[in-house]
C-alpha atoms as a PDB file:
ATOM      1  CA  MET A   1    -101.916  41.374 -49.780  1.00  0.00           C
ATOM      2  CA  LYS A   2     -99.312  39.754 -51.829  1.00  0.00           C
ATOM      3  CA  LYS A   3     -97.318  43.033 -52.726  1.00  0.00           C
ATOM      4  CA  ILE A   4     -97.401  44.184 -49.039  1.00  0.00           C
ATOM      5  CA  LEU A   5     -95.676  40.937 -47.791  1.00  0.00           C
ATOM      6  CA  ILE A   6     -93.242  41.175 -50.438  1.00  0.00           C
ATOM      7  CA  THR A   7     -92.387  44.753 -49.666  1.00  0.00           C
ATOM      8  CA  ILE A   8     -92.224  44.095 -45.826  1.00  0.00           C
ATOM      9  CA  LEU A   9     -89.999  41.096 -46.632  1.00  0.00           C
ATOM     10  CA  LEU A  10     -87.752  43.317 -48.871  1.00  0.00           C
ATOM     11  CA  LEU A  11     -87.494  46.145 -46.149  1.00  0.00           C
ATOM     12  CA  MET A  12     -86.696  43.816 -43.419  1.00  0.00           C
ATOM     13  CA  LEU A  13     -83.893  42.399 -45.790  1.00  0.00           C
ATOM     14  CA  PHE A  14     -82.574  46.012 -46.583  1.00  0.00           C
ATOM     15  CA  ASN A  15     -82.715  46.733 -42.723  1.00  0.00           C
ATOM     16  CA  ALA A  16     -80.752  43.438 -42.088  1.00  0.00           C
ATOM     17  CA  GLN A  17     -78.027  44.582 -44.512  1.00  0.00           C
ATOM     18  CA  ALA A  18     -77.766  48.009 -43.434  1.00  0.00           C
ATOM     19  CA  GLN A  19     -77.363  46.935 -39.985  1.00  0.00           C
ATOM     20  CA  GLN A  20     -74.515  44.524 -40.510  1.00  0.00           C
ATOM     21  CA  ALA A  21     -72.911  47.553 -42.907  1.00  0.00           C
ATOM     22  CA  ASN A  22     -72.632  49.495 -39.911  1.00  0.00           C
ATOM     23  CA  ALA A  23     -71.755  47.033 -37.279  1.00  0.00           C
ATOM     24  CA  PRO A  24     -68.364  47.479 -36.293  1.00  0.00           C
ATOM     25  CA  LEU A  25     -65.818  45.517 -37.322  1.00  0.00           C
ATOM     26  CA  LYS A  26     -64.330  42.410 -35.089  1.00  0.00           C
ATOM     27  CA  VAL A  27     -60.685  43.250 -34.230  1.00  0.00           C
ATOM     28  CA  GLN A  28     -58.991  40.067 -35.235  1.00  0.00           C
ATOM     29  CA  LYS A  29     -56.421  39.064 -32.620  1.00  0.00           C
ATOM     30  CA  LYS A  30     -52.783  37.807 -34.181  1.00  0.00           C
ATOM     31  CA  PRO A  31     -52.432  34.079 -33.716  1.00  0.00           C
ATOM     32  CA  PRO A  32     -50.289  33.421 -30.645  1.00  0.00           C
ATOM     33  CA  TYR A  33     -46.799  33.204 -30.470  1.00  0.00           C
ATOM     34  CA  THR A  34     -46.765  29.346 -30.207  1.00  0.00           C
ATOM     35  CA  GLN A  35     -48.409  29.084 -33.882  1.00  0.00           C
ATOM     36  CA  LEU A  36     -45.356  30.625 -35.445  1.00  0.00           C
ATOM     37  CA  LEU A  37     -42.829  28.065 -33.946  1.00  0.00           C
ATOM     38  CA  PHE A  38     -40.901  25.281 -35.899  1.00  0.00           C
ATOM     39  CA  GLN A  39     -41.614  21.898 -33.577  1.00  0.00           C
ATOM     40  CA  HIS A  40     -40.088  18.991 -33.823  1.00  0.00           C
ATOM     41  CA  LYS A  41     -41.699  16.373 -31.502  1.00  0.00           C
ATOM     42  CA  ASN A  42     -41.286  18.368 -27.804  1.00  0.00           C
ATOM     43  CA  ILE A  43     -38.672  20.792 -29.217  1.00  0.00           C
ATOM     44  CA  PHE A  44     -39.960  24.327 -30.503  1.00  0.00           C
ATOM     45  CA  ILE A  45     -37.586  26.573 -32.155  1.00  0.00           C
ATOM     46  CA  GLY A  46     -38.370  30.518 -33.122  1.00  0.00           C
ATOM     47  CA  PRO A  47     -37.801  34.117 -32.491  1.00  0.00           C
ATOM     48  CA  GLN A  48     -37.663  36.277 -29.466  1.00  0.00           C
ATOM     49  CA  PRO A  49     -41.005  36.131 -27.684  1.00  0.00           C
ATOM     50  CA  GLU A  50     -42.540  39.485 -26.890  1.00  0.00           C
ATOM     51  CA  TYR A  51     -44.112  40.486 -23.264  1.00  0.00           C
ATOM     52  CA  SER A  52     -47.279  38.865 -23.608  1.00  0.00           C
ATOM     53  CA  ASP A  53     -45.902  35.648 -25.064  1.00  0.00           C
ATOM     54  CA  PHE A  54     -44.779  33.952 -21.602  1.00  0.00           C
ATOM     55  CA  LYS A  55     -48.228  33.515 -20.069  1.00  0.00           C
ATOM     56  CA  THR A  56     -49.488  31.798 -23.797  1.00  0.00           C
ATOM     57  CA  LEU A  57     -45.931  29.651 -23.493  1.00  0.00           C
ATOM     58  CA  LYS A  58     -46.858  28.249 -19.728  1.00  0.00           C
ATOM     59  CA  ALA A  59     -50.503  27.970 -21.052  1.00  0.00           C
ATOM     60  CA  ALA A  60     -49.454  26.000 -23.630  1.00  0.00           C
ATOM     61  CA  GLY A  61     -47.356  23.503 -21.839  1.00  0.00           C
ATOM     62  CA  PHE A  62     -43.881  24.767 -22.174  1.00  0.00           C
ATOM     63  CA  THR A  63     -41.765  23.487 -19.201  1.00  0.00           C
ATOM     64  CA  LYS A  64     -38.120  25.085 -20.377  1.00  0.00           C
ATOM     65  CA  ILE A  65     -36.879  27.980 -22.432  1.00  0.00           C
ATOM     66  CA  ILE A  66     -32.933  27.896 -23.560  1.00  0.00           C
ATOM     67  CA  ASN A  67     -32.221  31.457 -24.759  1.00  0.00           C
ATOM     68  CA  MET A  68     -29.471  32.074 -27.058  1.00  0.00           C
ATOM     69  CA  ARG A  69     -29.366  35.964 -27.057  1.00  0.00           C
ATOM     70  CA  THR A  70     -26.351  37.466 -26.117  1.00  0.00           C
ATOM     71  CA  PRO A  71     -26.628  40.095 -22.932  1.00  0.00           C
ATOM     72  CA  ASP A  72     -26.524  42.819 -25.185  1.00  0.00           C
ATOM     73  CA  GLU A  73     -29.194  41.814 -27.500  1.00  0.00           C
ATOM     74  CA  MET A  74     -31.088  41.172 -24.278  1.00  0.00           C
ATOM     75  CA  LYS A  75     -30.640  44.620 -23.186  1.00  0.00           C
ATOM     76  CA  GLU A  76     -32.773  45.919 -25.898  1.00  0.00           C
ATOM     77  CA  LEU A  77     -35.712  44.627 -25.213  1.00  0.00           C
ATOM     78  CA  LYS A  78     -38.058  46.526 -22.717  1.00  0.00           C
ATOM     79  CA  PHE A  79     -38.630  43.526 -20.178  1.00  0.00           C
ATOM     80  CA  TYR A  80     -36.564  41.033 -18.136  1.00  0.00           C
ATOM     81  CA  GLU A  81     -36.999  37.703 -19.878  1.00  0.00           C
ATOM     82  CA  ASP A  82     -35.678  35.533 -17.038  1.00  0.00           C
ATOM     83  CA  TYR A  83     -37.965  37.428 -14.743  1.00  0.00           C
ATOM     84  CA  LEU A  84     -41.047  36.881 -16.821  1.00  0.00           C
ATOM     85  CA  VAL A  85     -40.046  33.076 -17.376  1.00  0.00           C
ATOM     86  CA  LYS A  86     -39.760  32.139 -13.804  1.00  0.00           C
ATOM     87  CA  LYS A  87     -42.868  34.174 -12.895  1.00  0.00           C
ATOM     88  CA  ALA A  88     -44.527  31.862 -15.400  1.00  0.00           C
ATOM     89  CA  GLY A  89     -43.096  28.960 -13.663  1.00  0.00           C
ATOM     90  CA  ILE A  90     -40.956  27.565 -16.694  1.00  0.00           C
ATOM     91  CA  ASP A  91     -37.238  26.695 -16.202  1.00  0.00           C
ATOM     92  CA  TYR A  92     -34.939  28.949 -17.944  1.00  0.00           C
ATOM     93  CA  HIS A  93     -31.722  28.717 -19.317  1.00  0.00           C
ATOM     94  CA  PHE A  94     -29.528  31.349 -20.715  1.00  0.00           C
ATOM     95  CA  LEU A  95     -26.812  30.298 -23.231  1.00  0.00           C
ATOM     96  CA  PRO A  96     -25.497  33.254 -25.006  1.00  0.00           C
ATOM     97  CA  ILE A  97     -24.113  32.355 -28.441  1.00  0.00           C
ATOM     98  CA  GLY A  98     -22.812  34.697 -30.879  1.00  0.00           C
ATOM     99  CA  GLY A  99     -20.540  37.614 -31.879  1.00  0.00           C
ATOM    100  CA  LYS A 100     -16.912  38.014 -30.396  1.00  0.00           C
ATOM    101  CA  ASP A 101     -17.732  37.212 -26.614  1.00  0.00           C
ATOM    102  CA  PHE A 102     -19.779  34.229 -26.933  1.00  0.00           C
ATOM    103  CA  LYS A 103     -18.296  32.373 -29.763  1.00  0.00           C
ATOM    104  CA  TYR A 104     -19.828  29.007 -31.340  1.00  0.00           C
ATOM    105  CA  SER A 105     -17.695  26.126 -29.695  1.00  0.00           C
ATOM    106  CA  PRO A 106     -17.973  22.420 -28.184  1.00  0.00           C
ATOM    107  CA  ALA A 107     -18.052  23.791 -24.920  1.00  0.00           C
ATOM    108  CA  LYS A 108     -21.571  25.712 -26.267  1.00  0.00           C
ATOM    109  CA  LEU A 109     -22.914  22.855 -27.695  1.00  0.00           C
ATOM    110  CA  GLU A 110     -21.992  20.589 -24.329  1.00  0.00           C
ATOM    111  CA  GLU A 111     -23.738  23.155 -22.641  1.00  0.00           C
ATOM    112  CA  PHE A 112     -26.749  23.062 -24.471  1.00  0.00           C
ATOM    113  CA  ALA A 113     -26.752  19.171 -24.591  1.00  0.00           C
ATOM    114  CA  GLN A 114     -26.638  18.985 -20.644  1.00  0.00           C
ATOM    115  CA  SER A 115     -29.833  21.147 -20.443  1.00  0.00           C
ATOM    116  CA  LEU A 116     -31.418  19.879 -23.381  1.00  0.00           C
ATOM    117  CA  ASN A 117     -31.014  16.167 -21.797  1.00  0.00           C
ATOM    118  CA  THR A 118     -32.313  17.500 -18.525  1.00  0.00           C
ATOM    119  CA  SER A 119     -35.431  18.823 -19.850  1.00  0.00           C
ATOM    120  CA  THR A 120     -38.847  17.230 -19.906  1.00  0.00           C
ATOM    121  CA  GLY A 121     -42.083  18.548 -21.679  1.00  0.00           C
ATOM    122  CA  LYS A 122     -42.395  21.136 -24.147  1.00  0.00           C
ATOM    123  CA  VAL A 123     -38.746  23.052 -24.799  1.00  0.00           C
ATOM    124  CA  LEU A 124     -38.529  26.458 -26.508  1.00  0.00           C
ATOM    125  CA  LEU A 125     -35.090  27.375 -27.928  1.00  0.00           C
ATOM    126  CA  HIS A 126     -34.837  30.825 -29.377  1.00  0.00           C
ATOM    127  CA  CYS A 127     -32.619  33.312 -30.013  1.00  0.00           C
ATOM    128  CA  ARG A 128     -33.418  36.814 -32.243  1.00  0.00           C
ATOM    129  CA  SER A 129     -34.692  34.996 -35.388  1.00  0.00           C
ATOM    130  CA  GLY A 130     -34.524  31.729 -34.564  1.00  0.00           C
ATOM    131  CA  HIS A 131     -31.156  31.007 -36.508  1.00  0.00           C
ATOM    132  CA  ARG A 132     -28.653  30.310 -34.087  1.00  0.00           C
ATOM    133  CA  ALA A 133     -30.989  28.092 -31.790  1.00  0.00           C
ATOM    134  CA  SER A 134     -31.681  26.174 -35.031  1.00  0.00           C
ATOM    135  CA  GLN A 135     -28.204  25.714 -35.548  1.00  0.00           C
ATOM    136  CA  LEU A 136     -27.155  24.768 -32.078  1.00  0.00           C
ATOM    137  CA  TRP A 137     -30.133  22.344 -31.915  1.00  0.00           C
ATOM    138  CA  VAL A 138     -28.910  20.789 -35.659  1.00  0.00           C
ATOM    139  CA  ALA A 139     -25.630  20.463 -33.835  1.00  0.00           C
ATOM    140  CA  TYR A 140     -26.732  18.337 -31.267  1.00  0.00           C
ATOM    141  CA  LEU A 141     -28.557  16.196 -33.358  1.00  0.00           C
ATOM    142  CA  VAL A 142     -25.580  15.388 -35.382  1.00  0.00           C
ATOM    143  CA  LYS A 143     -23.145  15.077 -32.127  1.00  0.00           C
ATOM    144  CA  TYR A 144     -25.580  13.313 -30.042  1.00  0.00           C
ATOM    145  CA  LYS A 145     -28.317  11.696 -31.978  1.00  0.00           C
ATOM    146  CA  ARG A 146     -26.447  10.177 -34.700  1.00  0.00           C
ATOM    147  CA  LYS A 147     -27.975  12.313 -37.899  1.00  0.00           C
ATOM    148  CA  THR A 148     -25.945  13.111 -40.305  1.00  0.00           C
ATOM    149  CA  PRO A 149     -25.483  16.991 -41.162  1.00  0.00           C
ATOM    150  CA  ASP A 150     -27.524  16.134 -44.150  1.00  0.00           C
ATOM    151  CA  GLN A 151     -30.451  14.878 -42.454  1.00  0.00           C
ATOM    152  CA  ALA A 152     -30.299  17.067 -39.511  1.00  0.00           C
ATOM    153  CA  LEU A 153     -30.217  20.346 -41.818  1.00  0.00           C
ATOM    154  CA  ALA A 154     -33.103  18.779 -43.504  1.00  0.00           C
ATOM    155  CA  MET A 155     -34.695  19.022 -40.472  1.00  0.00           C
ATOM    156  CA  VAL A 156     -34.876  22.678 -40.258  1.00  0.00           C
ATOM    157  CA  LYS A 157     -35.646  23.283 -43.890  1.00  0.00           C
ATOM    158  CA  ASP A 158     -39.319  24.563 -42.900  1.00  0.00           C
ATOM    159  CA  MET A 159     -37.603  27.130 -41.035  1.00  0.00           C
ATOM    160  CA  GLY A 160     -35.770  28.440 -44.202  1.00  0.00           C
ATOM    161  CA  TRP A 161     -32.134  27.519 -43.636  1.00  0.00           C
ATOM    162  CA  TRP A 162     -31.685  24.833 -45.549  1.00  0.00           C
ATOM    163  CA  PRO A 163     -31.271  24.536 -48.180  1.00  0.00           C
ATOM    164  CA  MET A 164     -28.417  27.337 -48.662  1.00  0.00           C
ATOM    165  CA  PRO A 165     -29.242  29.683 -50.916  1.00  0.00           C
ATOM    166  CA  MET A 166     -26.392  28.579 -52.754  1.00  0.00           C
ATOM    167  CA  GLU A 167     -28.183  25.605 -53.897  1.00  0.00           C
ATOM    168  CA  ALA A 168     -30.614  27.892 -55.570  1.00  0.00           C
ATOM    169  CA  LEU A 169     -28.069  29.893 -57.089  1.00  0.00           C
ATOM    170  CA  LEU A 170     -26.033  26.552 -58.412  1.00  0.00           C
ATOM    171  CA  ASP A 171     -29.305  24.813 -59.284  1.00  0.00           C
ATOM    172  CA  LYS A 172     -27.518  22.009 -57.832  1.00  0.00           C
ATOM    173  CA  LYS A 173     -27.959  19.649 -54.216  1.00  0.00           C
ATOM    174  CA  LEU A 174     -25.137  20.312 -51.914  1.00  0.00           C
ATOM    175  CA  SER A 175     -24.349  18.021 -49.068  1.00  0.00           C
ATOM    176  CA  VAL A 176     -22.566  18.825 -45.907  1.00  0.00           C
ATOM    177  CA  SER A 177     -19.870  16.533 -44.461  1.00  0.00           C
ATOM    178  CA  ILE A 178     -17.690  16.392 -41.499  1.00  0.00           C
ATOM    179  CA  LEU A 179     -14.184  16.013 -42.340  1.00  0.00           C
ATOM    180  CA  GLU A 180     -12.275  13.669 -39.750  1.00  0.00           C
END
């Protein structure tokens, strides 16, 4: 009797393992776009959201998106971001920067500051990769929030924009200062 019970238990165990081995694999969803973003308080910086990300952004509580891509870059997308953002009920500010037609300038920084200062809730700053968005935010921190360039740049180090690669090449810490 004991042998029969052991045999039955072993058969049940092997059967369960066989069923697990033949079970379809569960597809793991990629983490939502919001988990890929750099965050400082209510400011989030990242790359271009995809078509499906705008509902995620609204559900995550974002109230404003400031887009720094140029019109030519936006034409490359297979969707209209401004439409999707407005459809999601999120405030949208298109602030192109980069290239010969949309140069970095104090006027761009002023426009950015005005947009940021009228924002409440979570704000997404983005361009193609997050680099221009982070540099505009760092300049804002220096001019309007009294951070030193080093302090502001250190705040985006997790994004990989600081320290500069030159520091690794020289094996020395660099400092950025404003010349008057």
